[in-house]
């Protein structure tokens, strides 16, 4: 016969199997000072769900009095290759789970699916510099890059940045650290500025793209 904590984990694995597989998560039981919590994380612990379940009385069967806690982080995808930037924590919501097992498990399933994944600080696809997120938005909304252009975010040592190939087959690399923002075009640095000037990068790129357009279509009128 399974213990009560193990029974709850088995119910979650059974009902949330496809969702957990999709997100790469597994439920894990943590116990402290007479209370238990069920969290969801991957094998290495650097990808987690902002959802957890508080089990105030681990000796009680079922889901009675259990509380689902959803932490509300503002998470933005950056680039086309699965990077994310987390730019705020906006509190949490609590939901008392139903005593009815199927209803409780369906509530857990929906919230885990809705809340998505959080990357830990050392995750290779977690960006820590807000300026990369803002520059990605500048490329998308300021310049209006064609949606087919793949903008790839990266994190390499102390540098974070963006790479993309424009419609004229030119390769761009924008990198930033605590001191400098560097813009490279086809392997050659074309601008090195104080990091605080990152907001002007998209104007530099736009000027070059306009020039490429003029060269490609010399008879076009502006």
C-alpha atoms as a PDB file:
ATOM      1  CA  UNK A   1       0.000   0.000   0.000  1.00  0.00           C
ATOM      2  CA  UNK A   2       1.367   3.397  -0.982  1.00  0.00           C
ATOM      3  CA  UNK A   3       1.936   6.144   1.576  1.00  0.00           C
ATOM      4  CA  UNK A   4      -0.339   9.160   1.264  1.00  0.00           C
ATOM      5  CA  UNK A   5       2.381  11.414  -0.209  1.00  0.00           C
ATOM      6  CA  UNK A   6       3.316   8.734  -2.751  1.00  0.00           C
ATOM      7  CA  UNK A   7      -0.343   8.255  -3.644  1.00  0.00           C
ATOM      8  CA  UNK A   8      -0.703  11.968  -4.425  1.00  0.00           C
ATOM      9  CA  UNK A   9       2.403  11.937  -6.614  1.00  0.00           C
ATOM     10  CA  UNK A  10       1.095   8.891  -8.464  1.00  0.00           C
ATOM     11  CA  UNK A  11      -2.240  10.606  -9.090  1.00  0.00           C
ATOM     12  CA  UNK A  12      -0.454  13.661 -10.476  1.00  0.00           C
ATOM     13  CA  UNK A  13       1.797  11.589 -12.730  1.00  0.00           C
ATOM     14  CA  UNK A  14      -1.201   9.685 -14.048  1.00  0.00           C
ATOM     15  CA  UNK A  15      -3.476  12.678 -14.694  1.00  0.00           C
ATOM     16  CA  UNK A  16      -0.830  15.179 -15.806  1.00  0.00           C
ATOM     17  CA  UNK A  17       1.358  12.729 -17.703  1.00  0.00           C
ATOM     18  CA  UNK A  18       1.152  14.357 -21.141  1.00  0.00           C
ATOM     19  CA  UNK A  19       1.540  17.913 -19.783  1.00  0.00           C
ATOM     20  CA  UNK A  20       4.516  16.994 -17.617  1.00  0.00           C
ATOM     21  CA  UNK A  21       6.140  15.212 -20.540  1.00  0.00           C
ATOM     22  CA  UNK A  22       5.588  18.223 -22.805  1.00  0.00           C
ATOM     23  CA  UNK A  23       7.178  20.590 -20.285  1.00  0.00           C
ATOM     24  CA  UNK A  24       9.888  18.157 -19.194  1.00  0.00           C
ATOM     25  CA  UNK A  25       8.783  18.349 -15.554  1.00  0.00           C
ATOM     26  CA  UNK A  26       8.279  15.861 -12.755  1.00  0.00           C
ATOM     27  CA  UNK A  27       6.504  16.294  -9.408  1.00  0.00           C
ATOM     28  CA  UNK A  28       8.658  16.314  -6.289  1.00  0.00           C
ATOM     29  CA  UNK A  29       7.624  16.205  -2.654  1.00  0.00           C
ATOM     30  CA  UNK A  30       9.316  18.537  -0.149  1.00  0.00           C
ATOM     31  CA  UNK A  31       8.639  18.391   3.585  1.00  0.00           C
ATOM     32  CA  UNK A  32       9.418  20.967   6.251  1.00  0.00           C
ATOM     33  CA  UNK A  33       8.130  21.622   9.771  1.00  0.00           C
ATOM     34  CA  UNK A  34       5.180  19.256   9.471  1.00  0.00           C
ATOM     35  CA  UNK A  35       4.008  20.627   6.112  1.00  0.00           C
ATOM     36  CA  UNK A  36       4.566  19.218   2.665  1.00  0.00           C
ATOM     37  CA  UNK A  37       4.779  20.890  -0.711  1.00  0.00           C
ATOM     38  CA  UNK A  38       4.627  19.378  -4.151  1.00  0.00           C
ATOM     39  CA  UNK A  39       6.739  21.234  -6.703  1.00  0.00           C
ATOM     40  CA  UNK A  40       7.403  20.601 -10.384  1.00  0.00           C
ATOM     41  CA  UNK A  41      10.885  20.703 -11.887  1.00  0.00           C
ATOM     42  CA  UNK A  42      13.083  19.022 -14.465  1.00  0.00           C
ATOM     43  CA  UNK A  43      15.853  16.522 -13.710  1.00  0.00           C
ATOM     44  CA  UNK A  44      18.521  19.164 -13.100  1.00  0.00           C
ATOM     45  CA  UNK A  45      16.265  21.597 -11.234  1.00  0.00           C
ATOM     46  CA  UNK A  46      16.998  24.561 -13.521  1.00  0.00           C
ATOM     47  CA  UNK A  47      13.552  24.480 -15.136  1.00  0.00           C
ATOM     48  CA  UNK A  48      10.588  24.749 -12.796  1.00  0.00           C
ATOM     49  CA  UNK A  49       6.904  25.477 -12.797  1.00  0.00           C
ATOM     50  CA  UNK A  50       5.761  28.533 -10.809  1.00  0.00           C
ATOM     51  CA  UNK A  51       2.999  26.270  -9.485  1.00  0.00           C
ATOM     52  CA  UNK A  52       3.262  24.366  -6.231  1.00  0.00           C
ATOM     53  CA  UNK A  53       0.788  22.586  -3.991  1.00  0.00           C
ATOM     54  CA  UNK A  54       0.744  23.100  -0.256  1.00  0.00           C
ATOM     55  CA  UNK A  55      -0.307  19.995   1.701  1.00  0.00           C
ATOM     56  CA  UNK A  56      -0.988  21.254   5.246  1.00  0.00           C
ATOM     57  CA  UNK A  57      -1.781  17.830   6.639  1.00  0.00           C
ATOM     58  CA  UNK A  58       0.300  15.132   4.912  1.00  0.00           C
ATOM     59  CA  UNK A  59      -1.422  12.442   7.016  1.00  0.00           C
ATOM     60  CA  UNK A  60      -4.835  13.235   5.561  1.00  0.00           C
ATOM     61  CA  UNK A  61      -5.869  11.327   2.456  1.00  0.00           C
ATOM     62  CA  UNK A  62      -6.991  13.035  -0.738  1.00  0.00           C
ATOM     63  CA  UNK A  63      -6.815  16.720  -1.633  1.00  0.00           C
ATOM     64  CA  UNK A  64      -8.922  18.191   1.162  1.00  0.00           C
ATOM     65  CA  UNK A  65      -7.444  21.502   2.422  1.00  0.00           C
ATOM     66  CA  UNK A  66      -4.622  21.372  -0.134  1.00  0.00           C
ATOM     67  CA  UNK A  67      -3.823  24.734  -1.694  1.00  0.00           C
ATOM     68  CA  UNK A  68      -2.506  25.390  -5.170  1.00  0.00           C
ATOM     69  CA  UNK A  69      -0.120  28.369  -5.221  1.00  0.00           C
ATOM     70  CA  UNK A  70       0.685  29.995  -8.562  1.00  0.00           C
ATOM     71  CA  UNK A  71       3.499  32.536  -8.533  1.00  0.00           C
ATOM     72  CA  UNK A  72       2.975  35.185 -11.170  1.00  0.00           C
ATOM     73  CA  UNK A  73       6.169  36.014 -13.033  1.00  0.00           C
ATOM     74  CA  UNK A  74       6.217  38.117 -16.161  1.00  0.00           C
ATOM     75  CA  UNK A  75       8.205  36.045 -18.639  1.00  0.00           C
ATOM     76  CA  UNK A  76       8.978  37.169 -22.180  1.00  0.00           C
ATOM     77  CA  UNK A  77      10.330  34.966 -24.961  1.00  0.00           C
ATOM     78  CA  UNK A  78      13.363  36.457 -26.702  1.00  0.00           C
ATOM     79  CA  UNK A  79      14.393  35.462 -30.190  1.00  0.00           C
ATOM     80  CA  UNK A  80      13.406  32.398 -32.149  1.00  0.00           C
ATOM     81  CA  UNK A  81      15.415  29.813 -30.224  1.00  0.00           C
ATOM     82  CA  UNK A  82      13.676  29.428 -26.880  1.00  0.00           C
ATOM     83  CA  UNK A  83      15.378  32.066 -24.722  1.00  0.00           C
ATOM     84  CA  UNK A  84      13.449  33.941 -22.061  1.00  0.00           C
ATOM     85  CA  UNK A  85      13.772  37.045 -19.949  1.00  0.00           C
ATOM     86  CA  UNK A  86      11.981  37.357 -16.612  1.00  0.00           C
ATOM     87  CA  UNK A  87      11.175  40.958 -15.868  1.00  0.00           C
ATOM     88  CA  UNK A  88       8.994  40.934 -12.825  1.00  0.00           C
ATOM     89  CA  UNK A  89       7.256  39.079 -10.008  1.00  0.00           C
ATOM     90  CA  UNK A  90       3.690  40.172  -9.468  1.00  0.00           C
ATOM     91  CA  UNK A  91       2.607  38.237  -6.418  1.00  0.00           C
ATOM     92  CA  UNK A  92       0.831  34.930  -6.245  1.00  0.00           C
ATOM     93  CA  UNK A  93      -2.649  33.465  -6.288  1.00  0.00           C
ATOM     94  CA  UNK A  94      -3.966  30.716  -4.040  1.00  0.00           C
ATOM     95  CA  UNK A  95      -6.679  28.228  -4.906  1.00  0.00           C
ATOM     96  CA  UNK A  96      -8.102  25.733  -2.423  1.00  0.00           C
ATOM     97  CA  UNK A  97      -8.373  22.450  -4.276  1.00  0.00           C
ATOM     98  CA  UNK A  98     -11.582  20.504  -4.476  1.00  0.00           C
ATOM     99  CA  UNK A  99     -12.044  17.448  -2.302  1.00  0.00           C
ATOM    100  CA  UNK A 100     -13.137  15.717  -5.504  1.00  0.00           C
ATOM    101  CA  UNK A 101     -10.024  14.004  -6.867  1.00  0.00           C
ATOM    102  CA  UNK A 102     -10.695  14.407 -10.626  1.00  0.00           C
ATOM    103  CA  UNK A 103     -11.591  18.092 -10.168  1.00  0.00           C
ATOM    104  CA  UNK A 104      -8.510  18.768  -8.042  1.00  0.00           C
ATOM    105  CA  UNK A 105      -6.205  17.074 -10.540  1.00  0.00           C
ATOM    106  CA  UNK A 106      -7.771  18.904 -13.489  1.00  0.00           C
ATOM    107  CA  UNK A 107      -7.242  22.235 -11.706  1.00  0.00           C
ATOM    108  CA  UNK A 108      -3.580  21.347 -11.127  1.00  0.00           C
ATOM    109  CA  UNK A 109      -3.188  20.298 -14.760  1.00  0.00           C
ATOM    110  CA  UNK A 110      -4.666  23.502 -16.159  1.00  0.00           C
ATOM    111  CA  UNK A 111      -2.613  25.795 -13.935  1.00  0.00           C
ATOM    112  CA  UNK A 112       0.674  23.995 -14.634  1.00  0.00           C
ATOM    113  CA  UNK A 113      -0.046  24.244 -18.355  1.00  0.00           C
ATOM    114  CA  UNK A 114      -1.062  27.920 -18.158  1.00  0.00           C
ATOM    115  CA  UNK A 115       1.892  29.052 -16.042  1.00  0.00           C
ATOM    116  CA  UNK A 116       4.557  27.446 -18.246  1.00  0.00           C
ATOM    117  CA  UNK A 117       8.239  27.210 -17.339  1.00  0.00           C
ATOM    118  CA  UNK A 118      10.681  29.348 -15.418  1.00  0.00           C
ATOM    119  CA  UNK A 119      14.393  29.046 -16.161  1.00  0.00           C
ATOM    120  CA  UNK A 120      16.832  29.254 -13.264  1.00  0.00           C
ATOM    121  CA  UNK A 121      19.449  32.025 -13.197  1.00  0.00           C
ATOM    122  CA  UNK A 122      22.182  29.740 -14.543  1.00  0.00           C
ATOM    123  CA  UNK A 123      20.028  28.172 -17.234  1.00  0.00           C
ATOM    124  CA  UNK A 124      21.777  28.488 -20.623  1.00  0.00           C
ATOM    125  CA  UNK A 125      18.624  29.981 -22.197  1.00  0.00           C
ATOM    126  CA  UNK A 126      17.854  32.473 -19.420  1.00  0.00           C
ATOM    127  CA  UNK A 127      18.805  36.052 -20.308  1.00  0.00           C
ATOM    128  CA  UNK A 128      19.711  38.250 -17.351  1.00  0.00           C
ATOM    129  CA  UNK A 129      20.179  41.558 -19.158  1.00  0.00           C
ATOM    130  CA  UNK A 130      16.956  43.439 -19.802  1.00  0.00           C
ATOM    131  CA  UNK A 131      18.628  45.367 -22.619  1.00  0.00           C
ATOM    132  CA  UNK A 132      18.736  42.258 -24.817  1.00  0.00           C
ATOM    133  CA  UNK A 133      14.986  41.857 -24.415  1.00  0.00           C
ATOM    134  CA  UNK A 134      14.480  45.548 -25.234  1.00  0.00           C
ATOM    135  CA  UNK A 135      16.770  45.411 -28.277  1.00  0.00           C
ATOM    136  CA  UNK A 136      14.923  42.349 -29.559  1.00  0.00           C
ATOM    137  CA  UNK A 137      11.721  44.386 -29.339  1.00  0.00           C
ATOM    138  CA  UNK A 138      13.427  47.254 -31.180  1.00  0.00           C
ATOM    139  CA  UNK A 139      14.341  44.898 -34.019  1.00  0.00           C
ATOM    140  CA  UNK A 140      10.799  43.587 -34.182  1.00  0.00           C
ATOM    141  CA  UNK A 141       8.805  46.770 -33.720  1.00  0.00           C
ATOM    142  CA  UNK A 142      11.252  49.618 -34.368  1.00  0.00           C
ATOM    143  CA  UNK A 143      12.790  48.318 -37.585  1.00  0.00           C
ATOM    144  CA  UNK A 144       9.980  45.962 -38.428  1.00  0.00           C
ATOM    145  CA  UNK A 145      12.138  43.019 -39.462  1.00  0.00           C
ATOM    146  CA  UNK A 146      10.288  40.560 -41.633  1.00  0.00           C
ATOM    147  CA  UNK A 147       8.737  37.837 -39.421  1.00  0.00           C
ATOM    148  CA  UNK A 148      10.634  35.247 -41.444  1.00  0.00           C
ATOM    149  CA  UNK A 149      13.970  36.597 -40.148  1.00  0.00           C
ATOM    150  CA  UNK A 150      15.249  34.315 -37.403  1.00  0.00           C
ATOM    151  CA  UNK A 151      16.652  36.371 -34.536  1.00  0.00           C
ATOM    152  CA  UNK A 152      18.742  34.110 -32.306  1.00  0.00           C
ATOM    153  CA  UNK A 153      19.486  35.080 -28.728  1.00  0.00           C
ATOM    154  CA  UNK A 154      22.624  33.826 -26.999  1.00  0.00           C
ATOM    155  CA  UNK A 155      24.438  33.837 -23.694  1.00  0.00           C
ATOM    156  CA  UNK A 156      28.188  33.297 -23.870  1.00  0.00           C
ATOM    157  CA  UNK A 157      30.219  33.955 -20.757  1.00  0.00           C
ATOM    158  CA  UNK A 158      29.627  37.536 -19.631  1.00  0.00           C
ATOM    159  CA  UNK A 159      28.114  38.486 -22.967  1.00  0.00           C
ATOM    160  CA  UNK A 160      24.515  38.231 -24.040  1.00  0.00           C
ATOM    161  CA  UNK A 161      23.340  39.123 -27.490  1.00  0.00           C
ATOM    162  CA  UNK A 162      21.345  38.646 -30.652  1.00  0.00           C
ATOM    163  CA  UNK A 163      22.283  37.282 -34.066  1.00  0.00           C
ATOM    164  CA  UNK A 164      20.354  37.354 -37.302  1.00  0.00           C
ATOM    165  CA  UNK A 165      20.726  37.336 -41.081  1.00  0.00           C
ATOM    166  CA  UNK A 166      18.824  40.102 -42.835  1.00  0.00           C
ATOM    167  CA  UNK A 167      16.936  39.902 -46.128  1.00  0.00           C
ATOM    168  CA  UNK A 168      20.126  40.856 -48.005  1.00  0.00           C
ATOM    169  CA  UNK A 169      22.141  37.920 -46.567  1.00  0.00           C
ATOM    170  CA  UNK A 170      24.179  40.110 -44.234  1.00  0.00           C
ATOM    171  CA  UNK A 171      24.940  38.580 -40.833  1.00  0.00           C
ATOM    172  CA  UNK A 172      24.503  40.719 -37.737  1.00  0.00           C
ATOM    173  CA  UNK A 173      25.733  40.206 -34.172  1.00  0.00           C
ATOM    174  CA  UNK A 174      24.754  42.534 -31.329  1.00  0.00           C
ATOM    175  CA  UNK A 175      26.438  41.813 -28.003  1.00  0.00           C
ATOM    176  CA  UNK A 176      26.356  43.634 -24.695  1.00  0.00           C
ATOM    177  CA  UNK A 177      28.100  43.410 -21.350  1.00  0.00           C
ATOM    178  CA  UNK A 178      28.299  45.754 -18.363  1.00  0.00           C
ATOM    179  CA  UNK A 179      30.488  48.232 -20.272  1.00  0.00           C
ATOM    180  CA  UNK A 180      29.989  48.051 -24.022  1.00  0.00           C
ATOM    181  CA  UNK A 181      27.497  47.235 -26.726  1.00  0.00           C
ATOM    182  CA  UNK A 182      29.109  45.968 -29.921  1.00  0.00           C
ATOM    183  CA  UNK A 183      27.589  45.628 -33.357  1.00  0.00           C
ATOM    184  CA  UNK A 184      29.233  43.308 -35.870  1.00  0.00           C
ATOM    185  CA  UNK A 185      28.271  43.103 -39.536  1.00  0.00           C
ATOM    186  CA  UNK A 186      29.515  40.167 -41.610  1.00  0.00           C
ATOM    187  CA  UNK A 187      32.268  39.493 -39.074  1.00  0.00           C
ATOM    188  CA  UNK A 188      33.541  43.082 -38.777  1.00  0.00           C
ATOM    189  CA  UNK A 189      32.823  45.420 -35.886  1.00  0.00           C
ATOM    190  CA  UNK A 190      31.014  48.497 -37.170  1.00  0.00           C
ATOM    191  CA  UNK A 191      30.161  50.102 -33.846  1.00  0.00           C
ATOM    192  CA  UNK A 192      31.348  49.936 -30.247  1.00  0.00           C
ATOM    193  CA  UNK A 193      29.444  52.183 -27.846  1.00  0.00           C
ATOM    194  CA  UNK A 194      28.900  52.572 -24.102  1.00  0.00           C
ATOM    195  CA  UNK A 195      26.375  50.003 -22.930  1.00  0.00           C
ATOM    196  CA  UNK A 196      24.034  52.810 -21.951  1.00  0.00           C
ATOM    197  CA  UNK A 197      23.579  53.682 -25.637  1.00  0.00           C
ATOM    198  CA  UNK A 198      21.990  50.330 -26.451  1.00  0.00           C
ATOM    199  CA  UNK A 199      18.744  52.092 -27.360  1.00  0.00           C
ATOM    200  CA  UNK A 200      20.399  53.622 -30.443  1.00  0.00           C
ATOM    201  CA  UNK A 201      21.521  50.317 -31.938  1.00  0.00           C
ATOM    202  CA  UNK A 202      18.351  49.738 -33.909  1.00  0.00           C
ATOM    203  CA  UNK A 203      18.765  53.146 -35.624  1.00  0.00           C
ATOM    204  CA  UNK A 204      22.254  52.148 -36.773  1.00  0.00           C
ATOM    205  CA  UNK A 205      20.939  48.866 -38.143  1.00  0.00           C
ATOM    206  CA  UNK A 206      17.998  50.592 -39.805  1.00  0.00           C
ATOM    207  CA  UNK A 207      20.375  52.979 -41.618  1.00  0.00           C
ATOM    208  CA  UNK A 208      22.360  50.055 -42.987  1.00  0.00           C
ATOM    209  CA  UNK A 209      19.240  48.175 -44.044  1.00  0.00           C
ATOM    210  CA  UNK A 210      18.018  51.278 -45.881  1.00  0.00           C
ATOM    211  CA  UNK A 211      21.372  51.455 -47.647  1.00  0.00           C
ATOM    212  CA  UNK A 212      21.178  47.785 -48.633  1.00  0.00           C
ATOM    213  CA  UNK A 213      17.669  48.368 -49.968  1.00  0.00           C
ATOM    214  CA  UNK A 214      18.873  51.302 -52.078  1.00  0.00           C
ATOM    215  CA  UNK A 215      21.705  49.205 -53.505  1.00  0.00           C
ATOM    216  CA  UNK A 216      19.388  46.316 -54.276  1.00  0.00           C
ATOM    217  CA  UNK A 217      16.760  48.568 -55.848  1.00  0.00           C
ATOM    218  CA  UNK A 218      18.576  51.626 -57.223  1.00  0.00           C
ATOM    219  CA  UNK A 219      15.529  52.761 -59.253  1.00  0.00           C
ATOM    220  CA  UNK A 220      13.133  52.789 -56.300  1.00  0.00           C
ATOM    221  CA  UNK A 221      11.882  56.152 -55.085  1.00  0.00           C
ATOM    222  CA  UNK A 222      11.899  57.113 -51.411  1.00  0.00           C
END
